[in-house]
Amino acid sequence: MVGAIAILADFFLRFTFWGGVSGRRSSREGGNSAQAVIMVVAIVLAILAPLISRFIQLAVSRQREYLADASAVELTRNPYGLERALAKISGDPEVLEVANRGTQHMYFTNPIKKFEARSSGLMSTHPPILDRINRLRELTGEPPLGSSESAALAGLE
């Protein structure tokens, strides 16, 4: 989907730059004004298309995290163990020196802690750990945890 959006935006922009809409019309027929409007729309879409495609990519990435958690529970048959593991991983205060924005999607949680603390949910590649734990608890029918209870679940308190 992201690739299709990028290809369509690129096609539309190239189409308007090379005069595909009104290249043979004269200025008396209003061809220049229509082409100018289409050019402005093409530039706006060329700017917005990468942003929209990035938001779609991030949303899909977060949904895949939830799906991976559900698949792990199905495979291991141990939702409580996965909940505790996620809580322990999120409670680690260390910032990984080798992690960067290019590799952060390969980790269980966002390894760049300072970025995670100030990032919004819209731009995050990982859903919040508490949400992941609470979705796992929904699978087993247990009540959701509060933010203070997740440390107790990990055995860190």
N, C-alpha and C. Protein backbone atom coordinates (compact mmCIF):
# COMPACT_ATOMS: atom_id res chain seq x y z
N MET A 1 0.82 -1.18 0.00
CA MET A 1 0.00 0.00 0.00
C MET A 1 0.87 1.26 0.00
N VAL A 2 1.93 1.22 0.79
CA VAL A 2 2.84 2.36 0.85
C VAL A 2 3.50 2.58 -0.51
N GLY A 3 3.93 1.52 -1.13
CA GLY A 3 4.55 1.62 -2.44
C GLY A 3 3.59 2.14 -3.49
N ALA A 4 2.33 1.69 -3.43
CA ALA A 4 1.33 2.15 -4.39
C ALA A 4 1.08 3.64 -4.25
N ILE A 5 1.02 4.13 -3.02
CA ILE A 5 0.82 5.56 -2.81
C ILE A 5 2.00 6.35 -3.37
N ALA A 6 3.19 5.87 -3.13
CA ALA A 6 4.38 6.57 -3.63
C ALA A 6 4.42 6.56 -5.15
N ILE A 7 4.10 5.44 -5.77
CA ILE A 7 4.11 5.35 -7.23
C ILE A 7 3.06 6.26 -7.84
N LEU A 8 1.84 6.28 -7.26
CA LEU A 8 0.80 7.15 -7.80
C LEU A 8 1.16 8.63 -7.66
N ALA A 9 1.74 9.00 -6.53
CA ALA A 9 2.15 10.40 -6.35
C ALA A 9 3.24 10.77 -7.34
N ASP A 10 4.19 9.88 -7.55
CA ASP A 10 5.27 10.14 -8.48
C ASP A 10 4.74 10.23 -9.92
N PHE A 11 3.84 9.33 -10.28
CA PHE A 11 3.25 9.34 -11.62
C PHE A 11 2.49 10.64 -11.86
N PHE A 12 1.68 11.04 -10.90
CA PHE A 12 0.88 12.25 -11.05
C PHE A 12 1.77 13.48 -11.17
N LEU A 13 2.83 13.53 -10.38
CA LEU A 13 3.75 14.66 -10.44
C LEU A 13 4.48 14.72 -11.78
N ARG A 14 4.97 13.59 -12.26
CA ARG A 14 5.66 13.56 -13.56
C ARG A 14 4.70 13.86 -14.70
N PHE A 15 3.48 13.38 -14.60
CA PHE A 15 2.47 13.61 -15.62
C PHE A 15 2.21 15.11 -15.78
N THR A 16 2.12 15.81 -14.67
CA THR A 16 1.84 17.25 -14.76
C THR A 16 3.07 18.05 -15.17
N PHE A 17 4.26 17.61 -14.77
CA PHE A 17 5.47 18.35 -15.17
C PHE A 17 5.72 18.27 -16.67
N TRP A 18 5.41 17.17 -17.28
CA TRP A 18 5.70 17.00 -18.70
C TRP A 18 4.52 17.38 -19.58
N GLY A 19 3.53 18.07 -19.02
CA GLY A 19 2.44 18.62 -19.82
C GLY A 19 1.45 17.60 -20.32
N GLY A 20 1.19 16.58 -19.55
CA GLY A 20 0.27 15.54 -19.99
C GLY A 20 -1.18 15.97 -20.01
N VAL A 21 -1.55 17.01 -19.27
CA VAL A 21 -2.95 17.39 -19.19
C VAL A 21 -3.34 18.34 -20.31
N SER A 22 -2.60 19.42 -20.49
CA SER A 22 -3.00 20.41 -21.48
C SER A 22 -1.80 20.93 -22.26
N GLY A 23 -0.96 20.06 -22.69
CA GLY A 23 0.25 20.47 -23.39
C GLY A 23 -0.03 21.07 -24.76
N ARG A 24 -1.13 20.69 -25.43
CA ARG A 24 -1.40 21.15 -26.79
C ARG A 24 -2.45 22.25 -26.84
N ARG A 25 -3.05 22.57 -25.71
CA ARG A 25 -4.07 23.63 -25.71
C ARG A 25 -3.42 25.00 -25.79
N SER A 26 -4.13 25.91 -26.32
CA SER A 26 -3.63 27.29 -26.33
C SER A 26 -4.07 28.00 -25.07
N SER A 27 -3.47 29.11 -24.80
CA SER A 27 -3.80 29.84 -23.58
C SER A 27 -5.20 30.45 -23.65
N ARG A 28 -5.76 30.61 -24.85
CA ARG A 28 -7.12 31.15 -24.98
C ARG A 28 -8.17 30.17 -24.47
N GLU A 29 -7.90 28.91 -24.51
CA GLU A 29 -8.88 27.91 -24.09
C GLU A 29 -8.83 27.63 -22.60
N GLY A 30 -8.01 28.31 -21.88
CA GLY A 30 -7.93 28.11 -20.44
C GLY A 30 -7.04 26.96 -20.03
N GLY A 31 -6.20 26.50 -20.92
CA GLY A 31 -5.32 25.37 -20.63
C GLY A 31 -4.27 25.69 -19.58
N ASN A 32 -3.76 26.89 -19.58
CA ASN A 32 -2.71 27.23 -18.63
C ASN A 32 -3.23 27.30 -17.19
N SER A 33 -4.44 27.81 -17.01
CA SER A 33 -4.99 27.89 -15.65
C SER A 33 -5.31 26.50 -15.09
N ALA A 34 -5.84 25.62 -15.95
CA ALA A 34 -6.14 24.26 -15.51
C ALA A 34 -4.85 23.52 -15.19
N GLN A 35 -3.84 23.74 -16.00
CA GLN A 35 -2.57 23.06 -15.75
C GLN A 35 -1.91 23.59 -14.47
N ALA A 36 -2.07 24.86 -14.19
CA ALA A 36 -1.51 25.43 -12.96
C ALA A 36 -2.18 24.84 -11.73
N VAL A 37 -3.50 24.67 -11.79
CA VAL A 37 -4.23 24.08 -10.66
C VAL A 37 -3.80 22.64 -10.45
N ILE A 38 -3.68 21.90 -11.53
CA ILE A 38 -3.27 20.50 -11.43
C ILE A 38 -1.83 20.41 -10.92
N MET A 39 -1.00 21.35 -11.33
CA MET A 39 0.39 21.37 -10.85
C MET A 39 0.44 21.61 -9.35
N VAL A 40 -0.37 22.53 -8.84
CA VAL A 40 -0.40 22.80 -7.40
C VAL A 40 -0.90 21.57 -6.64
N VAL A 41 -1.94 20.94 -7.15
CA VAL A 41 -2.46 19.73 -6.51
C VAL A 41 -1.40 18.63 -6.52
N ALA A 42 -0.67 18.50 -7.63
CA ALA A 42 0.38 17.48 -7.72
C ALA A 42 1.49 17.74 -6.71
N ILE A 43 1.87 18.99 -6.53
CA ILE A 43 2.93 19.31 -5.57
C ILE A 43 2.47 19.03 -4.15
N VAL A 44 1.23 19.39 -3.83
CA VAL A 44 0.69 19.12 -2.50
C VAL A 44 0.63 17.61 -2.25
N LEU A 45 0.17 16.85 -3.23
CA LEU A 45 0.11 15.40 -3.07
C LEU A 45 1.50 14.79 -2.98
N ALA A 46 2.47 15.34 -3.71
CA ALA A 46 3.83 14.82 -3.63
C ALA A 46 4.44 15.06 -2.25
N ILE A 47 4.01 16.13 -1.59
CA ILE A 47 4.49 16.40 -0.24
C ILE A 47 3.77 15.54 0.79
N LEU A 48 2.47 15.39 0.64
CA LEU A 48 1.67 14.66 1.63
C LEU A 48 1.74 13.14 1.48
N ALA A 49 1.97 12.63 0.29
CA ALA A 49 1.96 11.18 0.07
C ALA A 49 3.00 10.45 0.92
N PRO A 50 4.24 10.92 1.02
CA PRO A 50 5.18 10.19 1.89
C PRO A 50 4.78 10.22 3.36
N LEU A 51 4.19 11.33 3.81
CA LEU A 51 3.75 11.40 5.20
C LEU A 51 2.62 10.42 5.47
N ILE A 52 1.65 10.40 4.59
CA ILE A 52 0.51 9.49 4.75
C ILE A 52 0.99 8.04 4.69
N SER A 53 1.88 7.75 3.75
CA SER A 53 2.35 6.37 3.65
C SER A 53 3.16 5.97 4.89
N ARG A 54 3.89 6.89 5.48
CA ARG A 54 4.65 6.59 6.71
C ARG A 54 3.70 6.30 7.87
N PHE A 55 2.62 7.07 7.99
CA PHE A 55 1.65 6.82 9.05
C PHE A 55 1.00 5.45 8.88
N ILE A 56 0.71 5.08 7.64
CA ILE A 56 0.13 3.76 7.38
C ILE A 56 1.13 2.67 7.75
N GLN A 57 2.40 2.87 7.39
CA GLN A 57 3.43 1.89 7.70
C GLN A 57 3.60 1.72 9.20
N LEU A 58 3.57 2.81 9.96
CA LEU A 58 3.72 2.72 11.41
C LEU A 58 2.51 2.03 12.05
N ALA A 59 1.31 2.32 11.55
CA ALA A 59 0.12 1.67 12.10
C ALA A 59 0.16 0.17 11.85
N VAL A 60 0.59 -0.23 10.67
CA VAL A 60 0.69 -1.66 10.35
C VAL A 60 1.75 -2.31 11.23
N SER A 61 2.84 -1.61 11.48
CA SER A 61 3.90 -2.14 12.33
C SER A 61 3.39 -2.39 13.75
N ARG A 62 2.61 -1.46 14.28
CA ARG A 62 2.06 -1.64 15.64
C ARG A 62 1.08 -2.80 15.67
N GLN A 63 0.27 -2.95 14.63
CA GLN A 63 -0.67 -4.06 14.59
C GLN A 63 0.05 -5.40 14.49
N ARG A 64 1.17 -5.42 13.79
CA ARG A 64 1.95 -6.66 13.69
C ARG A 64 2.54 -7.06 15.04
N GLU A 65 2.88 -6.07 15.86
CA GLU A 65 3.38 -6.38 17.21
C GLU A 65 2.29 -7.11 18.01
N TYR A 66 1.06 -6.61 17.95
CA TYR A 66 -0.04 -7.26 18.65
C TYR A 66 -0.26 -8.67 18.11
N LEU A 67 -0.19 -8.82 16.80
CA LEU A 67 -0.38 -10.14 16.20
C LEU A 67 0.75 -11.09 16.60
N ALA A 68 1.97 -10.58 16.67
CA ALA A 68 3.10 -11.42 17.09
C ALA A 68 2.92 -11.87 18.53
N ASP A 69 2.41 -11.00 19.39
CA ASP A 69 2.17 -11.39 20.77
C ASP A 69 1.11 -12.49 20.85
N ALA A 70 0.04 -12.33 20.09
CA ALA A 70 -1.02 -13.35 20.10
C ALA A 70 -0.50 -14.67 19.54
N SER A 71 0.33 -14.60 18.51
CA SER A 71 0.91 -15.83 17.95
C SER A 71 1.86 -16.50 18.94
N ALA A 72 2.60 -15.70 19.69
CA ALA A 72 3.50 -16.27 20.70
C ALA A 72 2.72 -16.98 21.79
N VAL A 73 1.59 -16.41 22.19
CA VAL A 73 0.74 -17.07 23.19
C VAL A 73 0.19 -18.36 22.64
N GLU A 74 -0.22 -18.35 21.38
CA GLU A 74 -0.75 -19.56 20.76
C GLU A 74 0.32 -20.64 20.68
N LEU A 75 1.54 -20.25 20.40
CA LEU A 75 2.63 -21.20 20.25
C LEU A 75 3.09 -21.75 21.60
N THR A 76 3.27 -20.86 22.57
CA THR A 76 3.81 -21.30 23.86
C THR A 76 2.75 -21.74 24.86
N ARG A 77 1.54 -21.30 24.66
CA ARG A 77 0.43 -21.59 25.60
C ARG A 77 0.74 -21.03 26.99
N ASN A 78 1.49 -19.93 27.05
CA ASN A 78 1.88 -19.35 28.33
C ASN A 78 1.74 -17.82 28.26
N PRO A 79 0.52 -17.30 28.31
CA PRO A 79 0.36 -15.84 28.23
C PRO A 79 0.95 -15.11 29.43
N TYR A 80 0.91 -15.73 30.58
CA TYR A 80 1.45 -15.09 31.77
C TYR A 80 2.97 -14.90 31.65
N GLY A 81 3.65 -15.89 31.10
CA GLY A 81 5.10 -15.78 30.90
C GLY A 81 5.45 -14.66 29.93
N LEU A 82 4.67 -14.51 28.87
CA LEU A 82 4.92 -13.44 27.91
C LEU A 82 4.64 -12.07 28.54
N GLU A 83 3.59 -11.99 29.35
CA GLU A 83 3.30 -10.74 30.05
C GLU A 83 4.46 -10.34 30.95
N ARG A 84 4.98 -11.30 31.71
CA ARG A 84 6.12 -11.01 32.60
C ARG A 84 7.36 -10.63 31.81
N ALA A 85 7.60 -11.31 30.69
CA ALA A 85 8.78 -10.99 29.87
C ALA A 85 8.67 -9.58 29.30
N LEU A 86 7.51 -9.20 28.81
CA LEU A 86 7.33 -7.84 28.29
C LEU A 86 7.51 -6.81 29.39
N ALA A 87 6.99 -7.10 30.57
CA ALA A 87 7.13 -6.15 31.68
C ALA A 87 8.59 -6.02 32.09
N LYS A 88 9.35 -7.11 32.10
CA LYS A 88 10.77 -7.04 32.46
C LYS A 88 11.57 -6.28 31.41
N ILE A 89 11.28 -6.54 30.15
CA ILE A 89 11.99 -5.84 29.07
C ILE A 89 11.72 -4.34 29.13
N SER A 90 10.48 -3.97 29.38
CA SER A 90 10.15 -2.54 29.43
C SER A 90 10.73 -1.86 30.66
N GLY A 91 10.98 -2.61 31.73
CA GLY A 91 11.53 -2.03 32.94
C GLY A 91 13.03 -1.83 32.90
N ASP A 92 13.68 -2.27 31.85
CA ASP A 92 15.13 -2.12 31.74
C ASP A 92 15.47 -0.66 31.45
N PRO A 93 16.24 0.00 32.33
CA PRO A 93 16.55 1.42 32.13
C PRO A 93 17.69 1.69 31.14
N GLU A 94 18.40 0.65 30.74
CA GLU A 94 19.56 0.82 29.86
C GLU A 94 19.14 1.23 28.45
N VAL A 95 19.90 2.16 27.89
CA VAL A 95 19.73 2.53 26.48
C VAL A 95 20.75 1.74 25.69
N LEU A 96 20.30 1.05 24.66
CA LEU A 96 21.23 0.27 23.84
C LEU A 96 22.03 1.21 22.96
N GLU A 97 23.33 1.12 23.04
CA GLU A 97 24.21 2.01 22.29
C GLU A 97 24.20 1.71 20.80
N VAL A 98 23.99 0.46 20.43
CA VAL A 98 24.06 0.08 19.02
C VAL A 98 22.73 0.27 18.29
N ALA A 99 21.67 0.53 19.01
CA ALA A 99 20.36 0.69 18.38
C ALA A 99 20.25 2.09 17.80
N ASN A 100 19.58 2.17 16.66
CA ASN A 100 19.30 3.47 16.04
C ASN A 100 17.91 3.42 15.43
N ARG A 101 17.50 4.51 14.81
CA ARG A 101 16.16 4.55 14.24
C ARG A 101 15.96 3.54 13.12
N GLY A 102 17.02 3.19 12.46
CA GLY A 102 16.93 2.22 11.37
C GLY A 102 16.74 0.79 11.85
N THR A 103 17.16 0.49 13.08
CA THR A 103 17.06 -0.87 13.59
C THR A 103 16.06 -1.01 14.74
N GLN A 104 15.41 0.07 15.15
CA GLN A 104 14.53 -0.01 16.32
C GLN A 104 13.33 -0.92 16.09
N HIS A 105 12.90 -1.10 14.86
CA HIS A 105 11.75 -1.96 14.60
C HIS A 105 12.07 -3.44 14.77
N MET A 106 13.34 -3.80 14.93
CA MET A 106 13.73 -5.20 15.08
C MET A 106 13.73 -5.68 16.53
N TYR A 107 13.45 -4.81 17.47
CA TYR A 107 13.49 -5.14 18.89
C TYR A 107 12.07 -5.40 19.41
N PHE A 108 12.00 -6.03 20.59
CA PHE A 108 10.71 -6.29 21.23
C PHE A 108 10.04 -5.00 21.66
N THR A 109 10.83 -4.11 22.22
CA THR A 109 10.35 -2.79 22.61
C THR A 109 11.26 -1.76 21.96
N ASN A 110 10.86 -0.52 22.01
CA ASN A 110 11.69 0.52 21.42
C ASN A 110 12.98 0.64 22.23
N PRO A 111 14.13 0.34 21.64
CA PRO A 111 15.38 0.35 22.40
C PRO A 111 15.91 1.75 22.69
N ILE A 112 15.37 2.74 22.05
CA ILE A 112 15.82 4.11 22.25
C ILE A 112 14.91 4.73 23.29
N LYS A 113 15.24 4.56 24.56
CA LYS A 113 14.37 4.95 25.67
C LYS A 113 14.05 6.44 25.69
N LYS A 114 15.04 7.29 25.42
CA LYS A 114 14.78 8.72 25.47
C LYS A 114 13.79 9.13 24.39
N PHE A 115 13.83 8.47 23.23
CA PHE A 115 12.88 8.77 22.17
C PHE A 115 11.49 8.26 22.54
N GLU A 116 11.45 7.09 23.16
CA GLU A 116 10.17 6.49 23.52
C GLU A 116 9.42 7.34 24.53
N ALA A 117 10.13 7.97 25.43
CA ALA A 117 9.48 8.76 26.48
C ALA A 117 8.77 9.98 25.91
N ARG A 118 9.29 10.55 24.84
CA ARG A 118 8.68 11.75 24.32
C ARG A 118 7.90 11.54 23.03
N SER A 119 7.91 10.33 22.51
CA SER A 119 7.24 10.10 21.24
C SER A 119 5.74 9.95 21.42
N SER A 120 5.02 10.31 20.40
CA SER A 120 3.58 10.14 20.43
C SER A 120 3.25 8.75 19.93
N GLY A 121 2.05 8.31 20.19
CA GLY A 121 1.63 7.00 19.74
C GLY A 121 1.50 6.91 18.23
N LEU A 122 1.31 8.05 17.58
CA LEU A 122 1.13 8.06 16.14
C LEU A 122 2.43 7.77 15.40
N MET A 123 3.54 8.25 15.91
CA MET A 123 4.82 8.08 15.23
C MET A 123 5.66 6.92 15.78
N SER A 124 5.13 6.17 16.70
CA SER A 124 5.88 5.09 17.32
C SER A 124 5.80 3.82 16.47
N THR A 125 6.92 3.09 16.40
CA THR A 125 6.92 1.82 15.69
C THR A 125 6.43 0.68 16.58
N HIS A 126 6.46 0.88 17.89
CA HIS A 126 6.03 -0.14 18.84
C HIS A 126 4.86 0.40 19.66
N PRO A 127 3.86 -0.44 19.90
CA PRO A 127 2.79 -0.01 20.81
C PRO A 127 3.32 0.03 22.24
N PRO A 128 2.69 0.81 23.10
CA PRO A 128 3.13 0.82 24.51
C PRO A 128 3.05 -0.58 25.12
N ILE A 129 4.01 -0.90 25.97
CA ILE A 129 4.08 -2.24 26.58
C ILE A 129 2.83 -2.53 27.39
N LEU A 130 2.33 -1.53 28.10
CA LEU A 130 1.14 -1.74 28.91
C LEU A 130 -0.05 -2.14 28.04
N ASP A 131 -0.17 -1.54 26.86
CA ASP A 131 -1.24 -1.93 25.94
C ASP A 131 -1.06 -3.37 25.45
N ARG A 132 0.18 -3.74 25.18
CA ARG A 132 0.44 -5.11 24.74
C ARG A 132 0.10 -6.11 25.85
N ILE A 133 0.49 -5.78 27.08
CA ILE A 133 0.18 -6.66 28.21
C ILE A 133 -1.33 -6.76 28.41
N ASN A 134 -2.02 -5.63 28.31
CA ASN A 134 -3.47 -5.65 28.51
C ASN A 134 -4.19 -6.40 27.40
N ARG A 135 -3.68 -6.36 26.18
CA ARG A 135 -4.28 -7.16 25.11
C ARG A 135 -4.07 -8.65 25.37
N LEU A 136 -2.91 -9.00 25.91
CA LEU A 136 -2.69 -10.40 26.28
C LEU A 136 -3.62 -10.82 27.40
N ARG A 137 -3.86 -9.92 28.33
CA ARG A 137 -4.77 -10.23 29.44
C ARG A 137 -6.21 -10.37 28.94
N GLU A 138 -6.57 -9.65 27.90
CA GLU A 138 -7.90 -9.80 27.30
C GLU A 138 -8.08 -11.20 26.72
N LEU A 139 -7.00 -11.76 26.18
CA LEU A 139 -7.07 -13.11 25.61
C LEU A 139 -7.40 -14.14 26.68
N THR A 140 -6.91 -13.92 27.90
CA THR A 140 -7.15 -14.88 28.98
C THR A 140 -8.34 -14.50 29.84
N GLY A 141 -8.94 -13.35 29.59
CA GLY A 141 -10.10 -12.92 30.36
C GLY A 141 -9.76 -12.25 31.67
N GLU A 142 -8.52 -11.87 31.88
CA GLU A 142 -8.12 -11.20 33.11
C GLU A 142 -8.33 -9.70 32.99
N PRO A 143 -8.48 -9.01 34.13
CA PRO A 143 -8.68 -7.55 34.08
C PRO A 143 -7.39 -6.85 33.64
N PRO A 144 -7.53 -5.68 33.00
CA PRO A 144 -6.33 -4.95 32.56
C PRO A 144 -5.52 -4.41 33.73
N LEU A 145 -4.23 -4.23 33.49
CA LEU A 145 -3.33 -3.70 34.51
C LEU A 145 -3.25 -2.18 34.41
N GLY A 146 -2.96 -1.56 35.55
CA GLY A 146 -2.64 -0.14 35.56
C GLY A 146 -1.14 0.05 35.36
N SER A 147 -0.71 1.29 35.22
CA SER A 147 0.71 1.53 34.94
C SER A 147 1.61 1.13 36.10
N SER A 148 1.13 1.25 37.32
CA SER A 148 1.96 0.89 38.47
C SER A 148 2.03 -0.61 38.69
N GLU A 149 1.07 -1.36 38.19
CA GLU A 149 1.03 -2.81 38.39
C GLU A 149 1.96 -3.57 37.45
N SER A 150 2.41 -2.92 36.38
CA SER A 150 3.26 -3.64 35.43
C SER A 150 4.63 -3.94 36.02
N ALA A 151 5.16 -3.06 36.84
CA ALA A 151 6.45 -3.32 37.51
C ALA A 151 6.31 -4.48 38.49
N ALA A 152 5.17 -4.55 39.17
CA ALA A 152 4.95 -5.66 40.10
C ALA A 152 4.85 -6.98 39.34
N LEU A 153 4.26 -6.95 38.14
CA LEU A 153 4.14 -8.15 37.33
C LEU A 153 5.52 -8.67 36.93
N ALA A 154 6.44 -7.76 36.66
CA ALA A 154 7.78 -8.15 36.27
C ALA A 154 8.61 -8.64 37.43
N GLY A 155 8.14 -8.42 38.66
CA GLY A 155 8.89 -8.81 39.83
C GLY A 155 10.01 -7.83 40.15
N LEU A 156 9.87 -6.59 39.66
CA LEU A 156 10.92 -5.59 39.87
C LEU A 156 10.72 -4.81 41.15
N GLU A 157 9.57 -4.94 41.79
CA GLU A 157 9.33 -4.22 43.03
C GLU A 157 9.47 -5.12 44.23
